Amino acid sequence: MIDCGMCGHTFTQAEGAACRGGCPMSGRCGMVSCPSCGYEFPAHSKLVALVSRLVRRSPRQLEVAS
């Protein structure tokens, strides 16, 4: 499930297919569009994924990695 950062609507990847007929990237850009408000954004942010992985690590894992 994907949450829209603009309006907070929750939707699936299929519902958020962003590319329209006039898009030059033709569906390969990785963007999704909120079906509620139309806001387009990347489906997955690499920065958010990195921070999420770091937060989920236990303190023991962080000591071993250092």
PDB file of N, CA and C in Angstrom:
ATOM      1  N   MET A   1       0.829  -1.174   0.000  1.00  0.00           N
ATOM      2  CA  MET A   1       0.000   0.000   0.000  1.00  0.00           C
ATOM      3  C   MET A   1       0.883   1.251   0.000  1.00  0.00           C
ATOM      4  N   ILE A   2       0.423   2.263  -0.657  1.00  0.00           N
ATOM      5  CA  ILE A   2       1.148   3.521  -0.790  1.00  0.00           C
ATOM      6  C   ILE A   2       0.286   4.630  -0.183  1.00  0.00           C
ATOM      7  N   ASP A   3       0.918   5.503   0.584  1.00  0.00           N
ATOM      8  CA  ASP A   3       0.216   6.657   1.158  1.00  0.00           C
ATOM      9  C   ASP A   3       0.619   7.913   0.394  1.00  0.00           C
ATOM     10  N   CYS A   4      -0.367   8.704  -0.001  1.00  0.00           N
ATOM     11  CA  CYS A   4      -0.108   9.964  -0.686  1.00  0.00           C
ATOM     12  C   CYS A   4       0.435  10.980   0.318  1.00  0.00           C
ATOM     13  N   GLY A   5       1.537  11.617  -0.031  1.00  0.00           N
ATOM     14  CA  GLY A   5       2.122  12.623   0.835  1.00  0.00           C
ATOM     15  C   GLY A   5       1.352  13.934   0.832  1.00  0.00           C
ATOM     16  N   MET A   6       0.487  14.120  -0.140  1.00  0.00           N
ATOM     17  CA  MET A   6      -0.272  15.366  -0.247  1.00  0.00           C
ATOM     18  C   MET A   6      -1.599  15.292   0.520  1.00  0.00           C
ATOM     19  N   CYS A   7      -2.391  14.249   0.244  1.00  0.00           N
ATOM     20  CA  CYS A   7      -3.721  14.188   0.856  1.00  0.00           C
ATOM     21  C   CYS A   7      -3.884  13.064   1.880  1.00  0.00           C
ATOM     22  N   GLY A   8      -2.925  12.122   1.932  1.00  0.00           N
ATOM     23  CA  GLY A   8      -2.991  11.039   2.898  1.00  0.00           C
ATOM     24  C   GLY A   8      -3.783   9.823   2.449  1.00  0.00           C
ATOM     25  N   HIS A   9      -4.318   9.842   1.229  1.00  0.00           N
ATOM     26  CA  HIS A   9      -5.090   8.719   0.696  1.00  0.00           C
ATOM     27  C   HIS A   9      -4.185   7.495   0.554  1.00  0.00           C
ATOM     28  N   THR A  10      -4.673   6.318   0.926  1.00  0.00           N
ATOM     29  CA  THR A  10      -3.923   5.069   0.796  1.00  0.00           C
ATOM     30  C   THR A  10      -4.457   4.314  -0.410  1.00  0.00           C
ATOM     31  N   PHE A  11      -3.526   3.829  -1.255  1.00  0.00           N
ATOM     32  CA  PHE A  11      -3.921   3.133  -2.472  1.00  0.00           C
ATOM     33  C   PHE A  11      -2.868   2.102  -2.860  1.00  0.00           C
ATOM     34  N   THR A  12      -3.197   1.232  -3.802  1.00  0.00           N
ATOM     35  CA  THR A  12      -2.268   0.205  -4.269  1.00  0.00           C
ATOM     36  C   THR A  12      -1.447   0.731  -5.443  1.00  0.00           C
ATOM     37  N   GLN A  13      -0.372   0.011  -5.757  1.00  0.00           N
ATOM     38  CA  GLN A  13       0.486   0.379  -6.889  1.00  0.00           C
ATOM     39  C   GLN A  13      -0.323   0.377  -8.188  1.00  0.00           C
ATOM     40  N   ALA A  14      -1.226  -0.589  -8.341  1.00  0.00           N
ATOM     41  CA  ALA A  14      -2.044  -0.671  -9.558  1.00  0.00           C
ATOM     42  C   ALA A  14      -2.969   0.531  -9.684  1.00  0.00           C
ATOM     43  N   GLU A  15      -3.532   0.978  -8.575  1.00  0.00           N
ATOM     44  CA  GLU A  15      -4.421   2.142  -8.612  1.00  0.00           C
ATOM     45  C   GLU A  15      -3.658   3.422  -8.916  1.00  0.00           C
ATOM     46  N   GLY A  16      -2.358   3.448  -8.590  1.00  0.00           N
ATOM     47  CA  GLY A  16      -1.571   4.657  -8.747  1.00  0.00           C
ATOM     48  C   GLY A  16      -0.717   4.694  -9.994  1.00  0.00           C
ATOM     49  N   ALA A  17      -1.065   3.927 -11.008  1.00  0.00           N
ATOM     50  CA  ALA A  17      -0.296   3.952 -12.250  1.00  0.00           C
ATOM     51  C   ALA A  17      -0.260   5.381 -12.776  1.00  0.00           C
ATOM     52  N   ALA A  18       0.937   5.990 -12.792  1.00  0.00           N
ATOM     53  CA  ALA A  18       1.057   7.427 -13.038  1.00  0.00           C
ATOM     54  C   ALA A  18       1.079   7.822 -14.499  1.00  0.00           C
ATOM     55  N   CYS A  19       1.710   7.051 -15.325  1.00  0.00           N
ATOM     56  CA  CYS A  19       1.928   7.515 -16.691  1.00  0.00           C
ATOM     57  C   CYS A  19       0.638   7.612 -17.479  1.00  0.00           C
ATOM     58  N   ARG A  20       0.477   8.727 -18.058  1.00  0.00           N
ATOM     59  CA  ARG A  20      -0.670   9.000 -18.915  1.00  0.00           C
ATOM     60  C   ARG A  20      -0.237   8.803 -20.370  1.00  0.00           C
ATOM     61  N   GLY A  21      -1.129   8.939 -21.279  1.00  0.00           N
ATOM     62  CA  GLY A  21      -0.833   8.744 -22.691  1.00  0.00           C
ATOM     63  C   GLY A  21       0.246   9.665 -23.223  1.00  0.00           C
ATOM     64  N   GLY A  22       0.369  10.880 -22.690  1.00  0.00           N
ATOM     65  CA  GLY A  22       1.332  11.840 -23.193  1.00  0.00           C
ATOM     66  C   GLY A  22       2.680  11.801 -22.497  1.00  0.00           C
ATOM     67  N   CYS A  23       2.884  10.869 -21.599  1.00  0.00           N
ATOM     68  CA  CYS A  23       4.134  10.800 -20.854  1.00  0.00           C
ATOM     69  C   CYS A  23       5.255  10.255 -21.742  1.00  0.00           C
ATOM     70  N   PRO A  24       6.368  10.981 -21.881  1.00  0.00           N
ATOM     71  CA  PRO A  24       7.462  10.503 -22.730  1.00  0.00           C
ATOM     72  C   PRO A  24       8.195   9.299 -22.144  1.00  0.00           C
ATOM     73  N   MET A  25       8.092   9.080 -20.843  1.00  0.00           N
ATOM     74  CA  MET A  25       8.766   7.936 -20.231  1.00  0.00           C
ATOM     75  C   MET A  25       7.968   6.644 -20.425  1.00  0.00           C
ATOM     76  N   SER A  26       6.723   6.734 -20.782  1.00  0.00           N
ATOM     77  CA  SER A  26       5.861   5.605 -21.111  1.00  0.00           C
ATOM     78  C   SER A  26       5.842   4.506 -20.054  1.00  0.00           C
ATOM     79  N   GLY A  27       5.666   4.885 -18.792  1.00  0.00           N
ATOM     80  CA  GLY A  27       5.490   3.908 -17.731  1.00  0.00           C
ATOM     81  C   GLY A  27       6.748   3.394 -17.078  1.00  0.00           C
ATOM     82  N   ARG A  28       7.923   3.826 -17.496  1.00  0.00           N
ATOM     83  CA  ARG A  28       9.169   3.305 -16.942  1.00  0.00           C
ATOM     84  C   ARG A  28       9.810   4.257 -15.937  1.00  0.00           C
ATOM     85  N   CYS A  29       9.110   5.277 -15.521  1.00  0.00           N
ATOM     86  CA  CYS A  29       9.721   6.289 -14.656  1.00  0.00           C
ATOM     87  C   CYS A  29       9.628   5.948 -13.171  1.00  0.00           C
ATOM     88  N   GLY A  30       8.776   5.017 -12.768  1.00  0.00           N
ATOM     89  CA  GLY A  30       8.638   4.646 -11.375  1.00  0.00           C
ATOM     90  C   GLY A  30       7.767   5.597 -10.565  1.00  0.00           C
ATOM     91  N   MET A  31       7.080   6.503 -11.214  1.00  0.00           N
ATOM     92  CA  MET A  31       6.207   7.440 -10.525  1.00  0.00           C
ATOM     93  C   MET A  31       4.820   6.818 -10.348  1.00  0.00           C
ATOM     94  N   VAL A  32       4.154   7.221  -9.278  1.00  0.00           N
ATOM     95  CA  VAL A  32       2.758   6.847  -9.065  1.00  0.00           C
ATOM     96  C   VAL A  32       1.951   8.125  -8.918  1.00  0.00           C
ATOM     97  N   SER A  33       0.674   8.021  -9.177  1.00  0.00           N
ATOM     98  CA  SER A  33      -0.216   9.172  -9.087  1.00  0.00           C
ATOM     99  C   SER A  33      -1.365   8.832  -8.157  1.00  0.00           C
ATOM    100  N   CYS A  34      -1.617   9.687  -7.190  1.00  0.00           N
ATOM    101  CA  CYS A  34      -2.714   9.469  -6.250  1.00  0.00           C
ATOM    102  C   CYS A  34      -4.037   9.543  -7.003  1.00  0.00           C
ATOM    103  N   PRO A  35      -4.863   8.494  -6.905  1.00  0.00           N
ATOM    104  CA  PRO A  35      -6.148   8.533  -7.599  1.00  0.00           C
ATOM    105  C   PRO A  35      -7.123   9.545  -6.988  1.00  0.00           C
ATOM    106  N   SER A  36      -6.857   9.988  -5.772  1.00  0.00           N
ATOM    107  CA  SER A  36      -7.747  10.933  -5.109  1.00  0.00           C
ATOM    108  C   SER A  36      -7.461  12.383  -5.514  1.00  0.00           C
ATOM    109  N   CYS A  37      -6.167  12.790  -5.438  1.00  0.00           N
ATOM    110  CA  CYS A  37      -5.849  14.196  -5.701  1.00  0.00           C
ATOM    111  C   CYS A  37      -4.998  14.421  -6.956  1.00  0.00           C
ATOM    112  N   GLY A  38      -4.439  13.341  -7.542  1.00  0.00           N
ATOM    113  CA  GLY A  38      -3.652  13.469  -8.764  1.00  0.00           C
ATOM    114  C   GLY A  38      -2.182  13.797  -8.545  1.00  0.00           C
ATOM    115  N   TYR A  39      -1.738  13.910  -7.296  1.00  0.00           N
ATOM    116  CA  TYR A  39      -0.336  14.217  -6.986  1.00  0.00           C
ATOM    117  C   TYR A  39       0.560  13.069  -7.440  1.00  0.00           C
ATOM    118  N   GLU A  40       1.626  13.379  -8.203  1.00  0.00           N
ATOM    119  CA  GLU A  40       2.560  12.366  -8.688  1.00  0.00           C
ATOM    120  C   GLU A  40       3.842  12.410  -7.865  1.00  0.00           C
ATOM    121  N   PHE A  41       4.340  11.230  -7.488  1.00  0.00           N
ATOM    122  CA  PHE A  41       5.548  11.129  -6.681  1.00  0.00           C
ATOM    123  C   PHE A  41       6.180   9.759  -6.908  1.00  0.00           C
ATOM    124  N   PRO A  42       7.480   9.605  -6.565  1.00  0.00           N
ATOM    125  CA  PRO A  42       8.124   8.293  -6.706  1.00  0.00           C
ATOM    126  C   PRO A  42       7.489   7.295  -5.743  1.00  0.00           C
ATOM    127  N   ALA A  43       7.307   6.084  -6.195  1.00  0.00           N
ATOM    128  CA  ALA A  43       6.679   5.062  -5.363  1.00  0.00           C
ATOM    129  C   ALA A  43       7.532   4.736  -4.143  1.00  0.00           C
ATOM    130  N   HIS A  44       8.832   4.670  -4.328  1.00  0.00           N
ATOM    131  CA  HIS A  44       9.727   4.324  -3.231  1.00  0.00           C
ATOM    132  C   HIS A  44      10.901   5.282  -3.222  1.00  0.00           C
ATOM    133  N   SER A  45      11.108   5.923  -2.120  1.00  0.00           N
ATOM    134  CA  SER A  45      12.239   6.824  -1.970  1.00  0.00           C
ATOM    135  C   SER A  45      13.429   6.045  -1.432  1.00  0.00           C
ATOM    136  N   LYS A  46      14.580   6.141  -2.086  1.00  0.00           N
ATOM    137  CA  LYS A  46      15.771   5.425  -1.624  1.00  0.00           C
ATOM    138  C   LYS A  46      16.235   5.958  -0.275  1.00  0.00           C
ATOM    139  N   LEU A  47      16.095   7.255  -0.058  1.00  0.00           N
ATOM    140  CA  LEU A  47      16.491   7.843   1.216  1.00  0.00           C
ATOM    141  C   LEU A  47      15.607   7.336   2.352  1.00  0.00           C
ATOM    142  N   VAL A  48      14.316   7.282   2.135  1.00  0.00           N
ATOM    143  CA  VAL A  48      13.398   6.791   3.160  1.00  0.00           C
ATOM    144  C   VAL A  48      13.673   5.319   3.439  1.00  0.00           C
ATOM    145  N   ALA A  49      13.946   4.533   2.417  1.00  0.00           N
ATOM    146  CA  ALA A  49      14.245   3.117   2.616  1.00  0.00           C
ATOM    147  C   ALA A  49      15.517   2.941   3.447  1.00  0.00           C
ATOM    148  N   LEU A  50      16.541   3.751   3.193  1.00  0.00           N
ATOM    149  CA  LEU A  50      17.792   3.672   3.954  1.00  0.00           C
ATOM    150  C   LEU A  50      17.554   4.008   5.421  1.00  0.00           C
ATOM    151  N   VAL A  51      16.865   5.096   5.686  1.00  0.00           N
ATOM    152  CA  VAL A  51      16.592   5.501   7.068  1.00  0.00           C
ATOM    153  C   VAL A  51      15.742   4.441   7.769  1.00  0.00           C
ATOM    154  N   SER A  52      14.774   3.880   7.085  1.00  0.00           N
ATOM    155  CA  SER A  52      13.930   2.837   7.679  1.00  0.00           C
ATOM    156  C   SER A  52      14.754   1.617   8.062  1.00  0.00           C
ATOM    157  N   ARG A  53      15.682   1.222   7.198  1.00  0.00           N
ATOM    158  CA  ARG A  53      16.542   0.073   7.523  1.00  0.00           C
ATOM    159  C   ARG A  53      17.410   0.370   8.730  1.00  0.00           C
ATOM    160  N   LEU A  54      17.948   1.576   8.818  1.00  0.00           N
ATOM    161  CA  LEU A  54      18.798   1.937   9.952  1.00  0.00           C
ATOM    162  C   LEU A  54      18.020   1.969  11.261  1.00  0.00           C
ATOM    163  N   VAL A  55      16.795   2.474  11.208  1.00  0.00           N
ATOM    164  CA  VAL A  55      15.970   2.572  12.412  1.00  0.00           C
ATOM    165  C   VAL A  55      15.565   1.181  12.900  1.00  0.00           C
ATOM    166  N   ARG A  56      15.316   0.256  11.979  1.00  0.00           N
ATOM    167  CA  ARG A  56      14.884  -1.087  12.351  1.00  0.00           C
ATOM    168  C   ARG A  56      16.007  -1.930  12.934  1.00  0.00           C
ATOM    169  N   ARG A  57      17.257  -1.561  12.694  1.00  0.00           N
ATOM    170  CA  ARG A  57      18.375  -2.330  13.228  1.00  0.00           C
ATOM    171  C   ARG A  57      18.424  -2.203  14.743  1.00  0.00           C
ATOM    172  N   SER A  58      18.773  -3.298  15.380  1.00  0.00           N
ATOM    173  CA  SER A  58      18.912  -3.255  16.834  1.00  0.00           C
ATOM    174  C   SER A  58      20.238  -2.602  17.187  1.00  0.00           C
ATOM    175  N   PRO A  59      20.399  -2.084  18.419  1.00  0.00           N
ATOM    176  CA  PRO A  59      21.670  -1.481  18.825  1.00  0.00           C
ATOM    177  C   PRO A  59      22.844  -2.458  18.697  1.00  0.00           C
ATOM    178  N   ARG A  60      22.614  -3.740  18.911  1.00  0.00           N
ATOM    179  CA  ARG A  60      23.666  -4.755  18.796  1.00  0.00           C
ATOM    180  C   ARG A  60      24.170  -4.827  17.361  1.00  0.00           C
ATOM    181  N   GLN A  61      23.300  -4.788  16.379  1.00  0.00           N
ATOM    182  CA  GLN A  61      23.703  -4.831  14.982  1.00  0.00           C
ATOM    183  C   GLN A  61      24.518  -3.611  14.605  1.00  0.00           C
ATOM    184  N   LEU A  62      24.184  -2.465  15.146  1.00  0.00           N
ATOM    185  CA  LEU A  62      24.932  -1.240  14.851  1.00  0.00           C
ATOM    186  C   LEU A  62      26.341  -1.307  15.441  1.00  0.00           C
ATOM    187  N   GLU A  63      26.504  -1.921  16.637  1.00  0.00           N
ATOM    188  CA  GLU A  63      27.832  -2.048  17.259  1.00  0.00           C
ATOM    189  C   GLU A  63      28.711  -2.973  16.450  1.00  0.00           C
ATOM    190  N   VAL A  64      28.163  -4.078  15.954  1.00  0.00           N
ATOM    191  CA  VAL A  64      28.916  -5.049  15.163  1.00  0.00           C
ATOM    192  C   VAL A  64      29.341  -4.422  13.841  1.00  0.00           C
ATOM    193  N   ALA A  65      28.472  -3.632  13.231  1.00  0.00           N
ATOM    194  CA  ALA A  65      28.762  -3.024  11.935  1.00  0.00           C
ATOM    195  C   ALA A  65      29.848  -1.942  12.036  1.00  0.00           C
ATOM    196  N   SER A  66      30.020  -1.349  13.189  1.00  0.00           N
ATOM    197  CA  SER A  66      30.989  -0.253  13.361  1.00  0.00           C
ATOM    198  C   SER A  66      32.396  -0.742  13.452  1.00  0.00           C
TER     199      SER A  66
END
